[in-house]
Amino acid sequence: MANLLDPMDLKQIITLHLDGTSNRRIGSILGISRNTVNTYMQMFEASGIPLDELLVFENADLSELFSSHTTVDTERHNELMLYFEGVNKTRSHPGSTFYRRTTIDIDKLIRFSQLLNKNLFLYYLDEEPIKSMFGKEEQSLQKQIIELENELASKNEKLKDLTDIIEAQKKIISLYEVKSENTQRIKKKQ
């Protein structure tokens, strides 16, 4: 465990674990080894403090319990941020040409997210093609929701009609019962 995690990373691990996410998936989401997740889960258990209580600990308290060092190589991170600032300035310069991809290599995006220990998908959710990809999915889901709501309304109307029919049948049955009782009384009198 070369890089120890900071308290916010620990809280993310705990939250994801409490949500039922597997250690392998937690590692994938946070860009860390599943063995690191396993080790921290063992440390949490060994502490004897319930996970939901660990979530409410202050960062300083978590740091004290589980020694922390950030997983981000801040020097390299700062270099990359300066590089990206320069790229953005060049992009906005009049006359510069910038190649805009219509597809994203998801594997590379995942790898960069892991290297930077930052979720780059959040940035790209507002950019094409992920924006349109999720937009189409959202439109499809909205359409399904509308169809299901219409189906529910239709079934509720049918249910109301059937309830009315049942009530009418109950009245008819009670009338027949009254008629039957009257018929039996008349027969007894004769």
C-alpha atoms as a PDB file:
ATOM      1  CA  MET A   1       0.000   0.000   0.000  1.00  0.00           C
ATOM      2  CA  ALA A   2       2.436   2.620  -1.278  1.00  0.00           C
ATOM      3  CA  ASN A   3      -0.060   5.488  -1.398  1.00  0.00           C
ATOM      4  CA  LEU A   4      -2.229   5.876   1.682  1.00  0.00           C
ATOM      5  CA  LEU A   5      -5.616   7.443   1.071  1.00  0.00           C
ATOM      6  CA  ASP A   6      -6.889  10.737   2.399  1.00  0.00           C
ATOM      7  CA  PRO A   7     -10.021  10.877   4.607  1.00  0.00           C
ATOM      8  CA  MET A   8     -12.338  11.776   1.725  1.00  0.00           C
ATOM      9  CA  ASP A   9     -11.194   8.671  -0.164  1.00  0.00           C
ATOM     10  CA  LEU A  10     -11.864   6.619   2.961  1.00  0.00           C
ATOM     11  CA  LYS A  11     -15.368   8.054   3.235  1.00  0.00           C
ATOM     12  CA  GLN A  12     -15.988   7.213  -0.441  1.00  0.00           C
ATOM     13  CA  ILE A  13     -14.889   3.622   0.157  1.00  0.00           C
ATOM     14  CA  ILE A  14     -17.188   3.342   3.177  1.00  0.00           C
ATOM     15  CA  THR A  15     -20.163   4.919   1.388  1.00  0.00           C
ATOM     16  CA  LEU A  16     -19.786   2.691  -1.662  1.00  0.00           C
ATOM     17  CA  HIS A  17     -19.377  -0.379   0.559  1.00  0.00           C
ATOM     18  CA  LEU A  18     -22.516   0.503   2.534  1.00  0.00           C
ATOM     19  CA  ASP A  19     -24.355   0.890  -0.789  1.00  0.00           C
ATOM     20  CA  GLY A  20     -23.453  -2.741  -1.548  1.00  0.00           C
ATOM     21  CA  THR A  21     -20.702  -2.079  -4.092  1.00  0.00           C
ATOM     22  CA  SER A  22     -18.066  -4.818  -4.328  1.00  0.00           C
ATOM     23  CA  ASN A  23     -14.460  -4.049  -3.376  1.00  0.00           C
ATOM     24  CA  ARG A  24     -13.369  -4.699  -6.970  1.00  0.00           C
ATOM     25  CA  ARG A  25     -15.928  -2.164  -8.263  1.00  0.00           C
ATOM     26  CA  ILE A  26     -14.987   0.364  -5.557  1.00  0.00           C
ATOM     27  CA  GLY A  27     -11.360   0.090  -6.669  1.00  0.00           C
ATOM     28  CA  SER A  28     -12.384   0.594 -10.278  1.00  0.00           C
ATOM     29  CA  ILE A  29     -14.561   3.626  -9.463  1.00  0.00           C
ATOM     30  CA  LEU A  30     -11.909   5.321  -7.316  1.00  0.00           C
ATOM     31  CA  GLY A  31      -8.986   4.332  -9.530  1.00  0.00           C
ATOM     32  CA  ILE A  32      -7.225   2.332  -6.839  1.00  0.00           C
ATOM     33  CA  SER A  33      -6.312  -1.315  -6.461  1.00  0.00           C
ATOM     34  CA  ARG A  34      -8.973  -3.622  -5.076  1.00  0.00           C
ATOM     35  CA  ASN A  35      -6.266  -4.894  -2.721  1.00  0.00           C
ATOM     36  CA  THR A  36      -6.000  -1.373  -1.316  1.00  0.00           C
ATOM     37  CA  VAL A  37      -9.769  -1.382  -0.816  1.00  0.00           C
ATOM     38  CA  ASN A  38      -9.543  -4.827   0.829  1.00  0.00           C
ATOM     39  CA  THR A  39      -6.781  -3.600   3.152  1.00  0.00           C
ATOM     40  CA  TYR A  40      -8.771  -0.547   4.235  1.00  0.00           C
ATOM     41  CA  MET A  41     -11.912  -2.643   4.754  1.00  0.00           C
ATOM     42  CA  GLN A  42      -9.856  -4.908   7.033  1.00  0.00           C
ATOM     43  CA  MET A  43      -8.520  -1.842   8.867  1.00  0.00           C
ATOM     44  CA  PHE A  44     -12.086  -0.529   9.307  1.00  0.00           C
ATOM     45  CA  GLU A  45     -13.208  -3.861  10.734  1.00  0.00           C
ATOM     46  CA  ALA A  46     -10.159  -4.087  13.004  1.00  0.00           C
ATOM     47  CA  SER A  47     -10.913  -0.629  14.423  1.00  0.00           C
ATOM     48  CA  GLY A  48     -14.148  -2.005  15.896  1.00  0.00           C
ATOM     49  CA  ILE A  49     -16.054   1.135  14.896  1.00  0.00           C
ATOM     50  CA  PRO A  50     -19.186   0.601  12.770  1.00  0.00           C
ATOM     51  CA  LEU A  51     -18.855   1.917   9.212  1.00  0.00           C
ATOM     52  CA  ASP A  52     -21.801   4.307   9.506  1.00  0.00           C
ATOM     53  CA  GLU A  53     -20.130   5.880  12.556  1.00  0.00           C
ATOM     54  CA  LEU A  54     -16.829   6.239  10.682  1.00  0.00           C
ATOM     55  CA  LEU A  55     -18.677   8.274   8.043  1.00  0.00           C
ATOM     56  CA  VAL A  56     -19.541  10.994  10.549  1.00  0.00           C
ATOM     57  CA  PHE A  57     -15.981  11.280  11.877  1.00  0.00           C
ATOM     58  CA  GLU A  58     -14.170  14.522  11.156  1.00  0.00           C
ATOM     59  CA  ASN A  59     -11.371  14.274   8.595  1.00  0.00           C
ATOM     60  CA  ALA A  60      -8.777  14.927  11.269  1.00  0.00           C
ATOM     61  CA  ASP A  61     -10.110  12.029  13.345  1.00  0.00           C
ATOM     62  CA  LEU A  62     -10.043   9.700  10.355  1.00  0.00           C
ATOM     63  CA  SER A  63      -6.500  10.837   9.566  1.00  0.00           C
ATOM     64  CA  GLU A  64      -5.502   9.996  13.102  1.00  0.00           C
ATOM     65  CA  LEU A  65      -7.076   6.535  12.958  1.00  0.00           C
ATOM     66  CA  PHE A  66      -5.864   5.713   9.455  1.00  0.00           C
ATOM     67  CA  SER A  67      -2.626   7.570   8.594  1.00  0.00           C
ATOM     68  CA  SER A  68      -3.203   9.515   5.427  1.00  0.00           C
ATOM     69  CA  HIS A  69      -1.244  10.670   2.442  1.00  0.00           C
ATOM     70  CA  THR A  70      -2.939  11.731  -0.739  1.00  0.00           C
ATOM     71  CA  THR A  71      -2.831   9.438  -3.776  1.00  0.00           C
ATOM     72  CA  VAL A  72      -2.349  12.384  -6.123  1.00  0.00           C
ATOM     73  CA  ASP A  73       1.234  13.160  -7.104  1.00  0.00           C
ATOM     74  CA  THR A  74       0.754  16.900  -6.614  1.00  0.00           C
ATOM     75  CA  GLU A  75       3.877  17.909  -8.547  1.00  0.00           C
ATOM     76  CA  ARG A  76       2.818  15.884 -11.597  1.00  0.00           C
ATOM     77  CA  HIS A  77      -0.777  17.030 -11.184  1.00  0.00           C
ATOM     78  CA  ASN A  78       0.290  20.686 -11.158  1.00  0.00           C
ATOM     79  CA  GLU A  79       2.429  20.126 -14.280  1.00  0.00           C
ATOM     80  CA  LEU A  80      -0.520  18.605 -16.105  1.00  0.00           C
ATOM     81  CA  MET A  81      -2.870  21.412 -15.050  1.00  0.00           C
ATOM     82  CA  LEU A  82      -0.394  24.014 -16.367  1.00  0.00           C
ATOM     83  CA  TYR A  83      -0.098  22.051 -19.606  1.00  0.00           C
ATOM     84  CA  PHE A  84      -3.883  21.910 -20.025  1.00  0.00           C
ATOM     85  CA  GLU A  85      -4.171  25.646 -19.333  1.00  0.00           C
ATOM     86  CA  GLY A  86      -1.679  26.255 -22.155  1.00  0.00           C
ATOM     87  CA  VAL A  87      -3.651  23.987 -24.483  1.00  0.00           C
ATOM     88  CA  ASN A  88      -6.856  25.884 -23.682  1.00  0.00           C
ATOM     89  CA  LYS A  89      -5.153  29.239 -24.341  1.00  0.00           C
ATOM     90  CA  THR A  90      -3.853  27.935 -27.679  1.00  0.00           C
ATOM     91  CA  ARG A  91      -7.312  26.657 -28.576  1.00  0.00           C
ATOM     92  CA  SER A  92      -8.887  30.058 -28.027  1.00  0.00           C
ATOM     93  CA  HIS A  93      -6.225  31.866 -30.090  1.00  0.00           C
ATOM     94  CA  PRO A  94      -7.627  33.189 -33.399  1.00  0.00           C
ATOM     95  CA  GLY A  95      -6.601  31.039 -36.322  1.00  0.00           C
ATOM     96  CA  SER A  96      -5.775  27.960 -34.317  1.00  0.00           C
ATOM     97  CA  THR A  97      -7.292  24.690 -35.407  1.00  0.00           C
ATOM     98  CA  PHE A  98      -8.434  22.226 -32.850  1.00  0.00           C
ATOM     99  CA  TYR A  99      -9.372  18.688 -33.745  1.00  0.00           C
ATOM    100  CA  ARG A 100     -12.631  17.779 -32.078  1.00  0.00           C
ATOM    101  CA  ARG A 101     -13.309  14.091 -31.702  1.00  0.00           C
ATOM    102  CA  THR A 102     -16.759  12.728 -32.291  1.00  0.00           C
ATOM    103  CA  THR A 103     -15.934   9.641 -30.274  1.00  0.00           C
ATOM    104  CA  ILE A 104     -14.187   9.098 -26.982  1.00  0.00           C
ATOM    105  CA  ASP A 105     -11.920   6.204 -26.219  1.00  0.00           C
ATOM    106  CA  ILE A 106     -13.510   5.122 -22.947  1.00  0.00           C
ATOM    107  CA  ASP A 107     -10.524   2.948 -21.991  1.00  0.00           C
ATOM    108  CA  LYS A 108      -8.145   5.913 -22.297  1.00  0.00           C
ATOM    109  CA  LEU A 109     -10.522   8.136 -20.344  1.00  0.00           C
ATOM    110  CA  ILE A 110     -10.671   5.558 -17.557  1.00  0.00           C
ATOM    111  CA  ARG A 111      -6.867   5.247 -17.559  1.00  0.00           C
ATOM    112  CA  PHE A 112      -6.378   9.042 -17.415  1.00  0.00           C
ATOM    113  CA  SER A 113      -8.942   9.217 -14.606  1.00  0.00           C
ATOM    114  CA  GLN A 114      -6.947   6.625 -12.695  1.00  0.00           C
ATOM    115  CA  LEU A 115      -3.602   8.350 -13.311  1.00  0.00           C
ATOM    116  CA  LEU A 116      -4.930  11.738 -12.225  1.00  0.00           C
ATOM    117  CA  ASN A 117      -7.090  10.205  -9.493  1.00  0.00           C
ATOM    118  CA  LYS A 118      -9.883  12.423 -10.775  1.00  0.00           C
ATOM    119  CA  ASN A 119     -13.202  11.492 -12.364  1.00  0.00           C
ATOM    120  CA  LEU A 120     -12.889  12.906 -15.888  1.00  0.00           C
ATOM    121  CA  PHE A 121     -16.307  11.538 -16.869  1.00  0.00           C
ATOM    122  CA  LEU A 122     -17.922  14.380 -14.927  1.00  0.00           C
ATOM    123  CA  TYR A 123     -16.196  16.888 -17.217  1.00  0.00           C
ATOM    124  CA  TYR A 124     -17.114  15.007 -20.365  1.00  0.00           C
ATOM    125  CA  LEU A 125     -20.777  14.605 -19.407  1.00  0.00           C
ATOM    126  CA  ASP A 126     -21.244  18.163 -20.694  1.00  0.00           C
ATOM    127  CA  GLU A 127     -19.217  17.509 -23.872  1.00  0.00           C
ATOM    128  CA  GLU A 128     -19.945  15.600 -27.066  1.00  0.00           C
ATOM    129  CA  PRO A 129     -20.228  12.654 -27.756  1.00  0.00           C
ATOM    130  CA  ILE A 130     -20.966  11.564 -24.175  1.00  0.00           C
ATOM    131  CA  LYS A 131     -23.504  14.386 -23.794  1.00  0.00           C
ATOM    132  CA  SER A 132     -25.492  13.223 -26.805  1.00  0.00           C
ATOM    133  CA  MET A 133     -25.009   9.573 -25.857  1.00  0.00           C
ATOM    134  CA  PHE A 134     -26.489  10.184 -22.404  1.00  0.00           C
ATOM    135  CA  GLY A 135     -28.972  12.662 -23.887  1.00  0.00           C
ATOM    136  CA  LYS A 136     -30.363   9.962 -26.173  1.00  0.00           C
ATOM    137  CA  GLU A 137     -30.511   7.557 -23.258  1.00  0.00           C
ATOM    138  CA  GLU A 138     -32.275  10.180 -21.151  1.00  0.00           C
ATOM    139  CA  GLN A 139     -34.783  10.877 -23.937  1.00  0.00           C
ATOM    140  CA  SER A 140     -35.409   7.155 -24.269  1.00  0.00           C
ATOM    141  CA  LEU A 141     -35.956   6.843 -20.521  1.00  0.00           C
ATOM    142  CA  GLN A 142     -38.278   9.873 -20.506  1.00  0.00           C
ATOM    143  CA  LYS A 143     -40.274   8.296 -23.330  1.00  0.00           C
ATOM    144  CA  GLN A 144     -40.515   5.024 -21.377  1.00  0.00           C
ATOM    145  CA  ILE A 145     -41.639   6.916 -18.274  1.00  0.00           C
ATOM    146  CA  ILE A 146     -44.405   8.661 -20.243  1.00  0.00           C
ATOM    147  CA  GLU A 147     -45.517   5.352 -21.755  1.00  0.00           C
ATOM    148  CA  LEU A 148     -45.573   3.708 -18.308  1.00  0.00           C
ATOM    149  CA  GLU A 149     -47.510   6.635 -16.826  1.00  0.00           C
ATOM    150  CA  ASN A 150     -50.067   6.376 -19.642  1.00  0.00           C
ATOM    151  CA  GLU A 151     -50.325   2.626 -19.130  1.00  0.00           C
ATOM    152  CA  LEU A 152     -50.786   3.149 -15.388  1.00  0.00           C
ATOM    153  CA  ALA A 153     -53.528   5.733 -15.982  1.00  0.00           C
ATOM    154  CA  SER A 154     -55.270   3.327 -18.373  1.00  0.00           C
ATOM    155  CA  LYS A 155     -55.064   0.475 -15.875  1.00  0.00           C
ATOM    156  CA  ASN A 156     -56.333   2.731 -13.088  1.00  0.00           C
ATOM    157  CA  GLU A 157     -59.361   3.619 -15.253  1.00  0.00           C
ATOM    158  CA  LYS A 158     -59.993  -0.072 -15.926  1.00  0.00           C
ATOM    159  CA  LEU A 159     -59.647  -0.785 -12.213  1.00  0.00           C
ATOM    160  CA  LYS A 160     -62.186   1.949 -11.433  1.00  0.00           C
ATOM    161  CA  ASP A 161     -64.590   0.533 -14.046  1.00  0.00           C
ATOM    162  CA  LEU A 162     -64.179  -2.976 -12.614  1.00  0.00           C
ATOM    163  CA  THR A 163     -64.745  -1.644  -9.092  1.00  0.00           C
ATOM    164  CA  ASP A 164     -67.964   0.035 -10.312  1.00  0.00           C
ATOM    165  CA  ILE A 165     -69.058  -3.244 -11.935  1.00  0.00           C
ATOM    166  CA  ILE A 166     -68.358  -5.169  -8.719  1.00  0.00           C
ATOM    167  CA  GLU A 167     -70.376  -2.652  -6.699  1.00  0.00           C
ATOM    168  CA  ALA A 168     -73.256  -2.914  -9.176  1.00  0.00           C
ATOM    169  CA  GLN A 169     -73.116  -6.724  -8.979  1.00  0.00           C
ATOM    170  CA  LYS A 170     -73.157  -6.567  -5.173  1.00  0.00           C
ATOM    171  CA  LYS A 171     -76.345  -4.444  -5.361  1.00  0.00           C
ATOM    172  CA  ILE A 172     -77.935  -6.910  -7.780  1.00  0.00           C
ATOM    173  CA  ILE A 173     -76.999  -9.827  -5.521  1.00  0.00           C
ATOM    174  CA  SER A 174     -78.463  -8.068  -2.481  1.00  0.00           C
ATOM    175  CA  LEU A 175     -81.678  -7.371  -4.454  1.00  0.00           C
ATOM    176  CA  TYR A 176     -81.896 -11.047  -5.448  1.00  0.00           C
ATOM    177  CA  GLU A 177     -81.330 -12.054  -1.830  1.00  0.00           C
ATOM    178  CA  VAL A 178     -84.138  -9.740  -0.695  1.00  0.00           C
ATOM    179  CA  LYS A 179     -86.370 -11.069  -3.474  1.00  0.00           C
ATOM    180  CA  SER A 180     -85.501 -14.640  -2.506  1.00  0.00           C
ATOM    181  CA  GLU A 181     -86.291 -13.960   1.154  1.00  0.00           C
ATOM    182  CA  ASN A 182     -89.618 -12.382   0.185  1.00  0.00           C
ATOM    183  CA  THR A 183     -90.440 -15.340  -2.029  1.00  0.00           C
ATOM    184  CA  GLN A 184     -89.674 -17.758   0.813  1.00  0.00           C
ATOM    185  CA  ARG A 185     -91.870 -15.754   3.222  1.00  0.00           C
ATOM    186  CA  ILE A 186     -94.730 -15.795   0.771  1.00  0.00           C
ATOM    187  CA  LYS A 187     -94.383 -19.566   0.330  1.00  0.00           C
ATOM    188  CA  LYS A 188     -94.335 -20.112   4.102  1.00  0.00           C
ATOM    189  CA  LYS A 189     -97.534 -18.071   4.519  1.00  0.00           C
ATOM    190  CA  GLN A 190     -99.347 -20.212   1.955  1.00  0.00           C
END
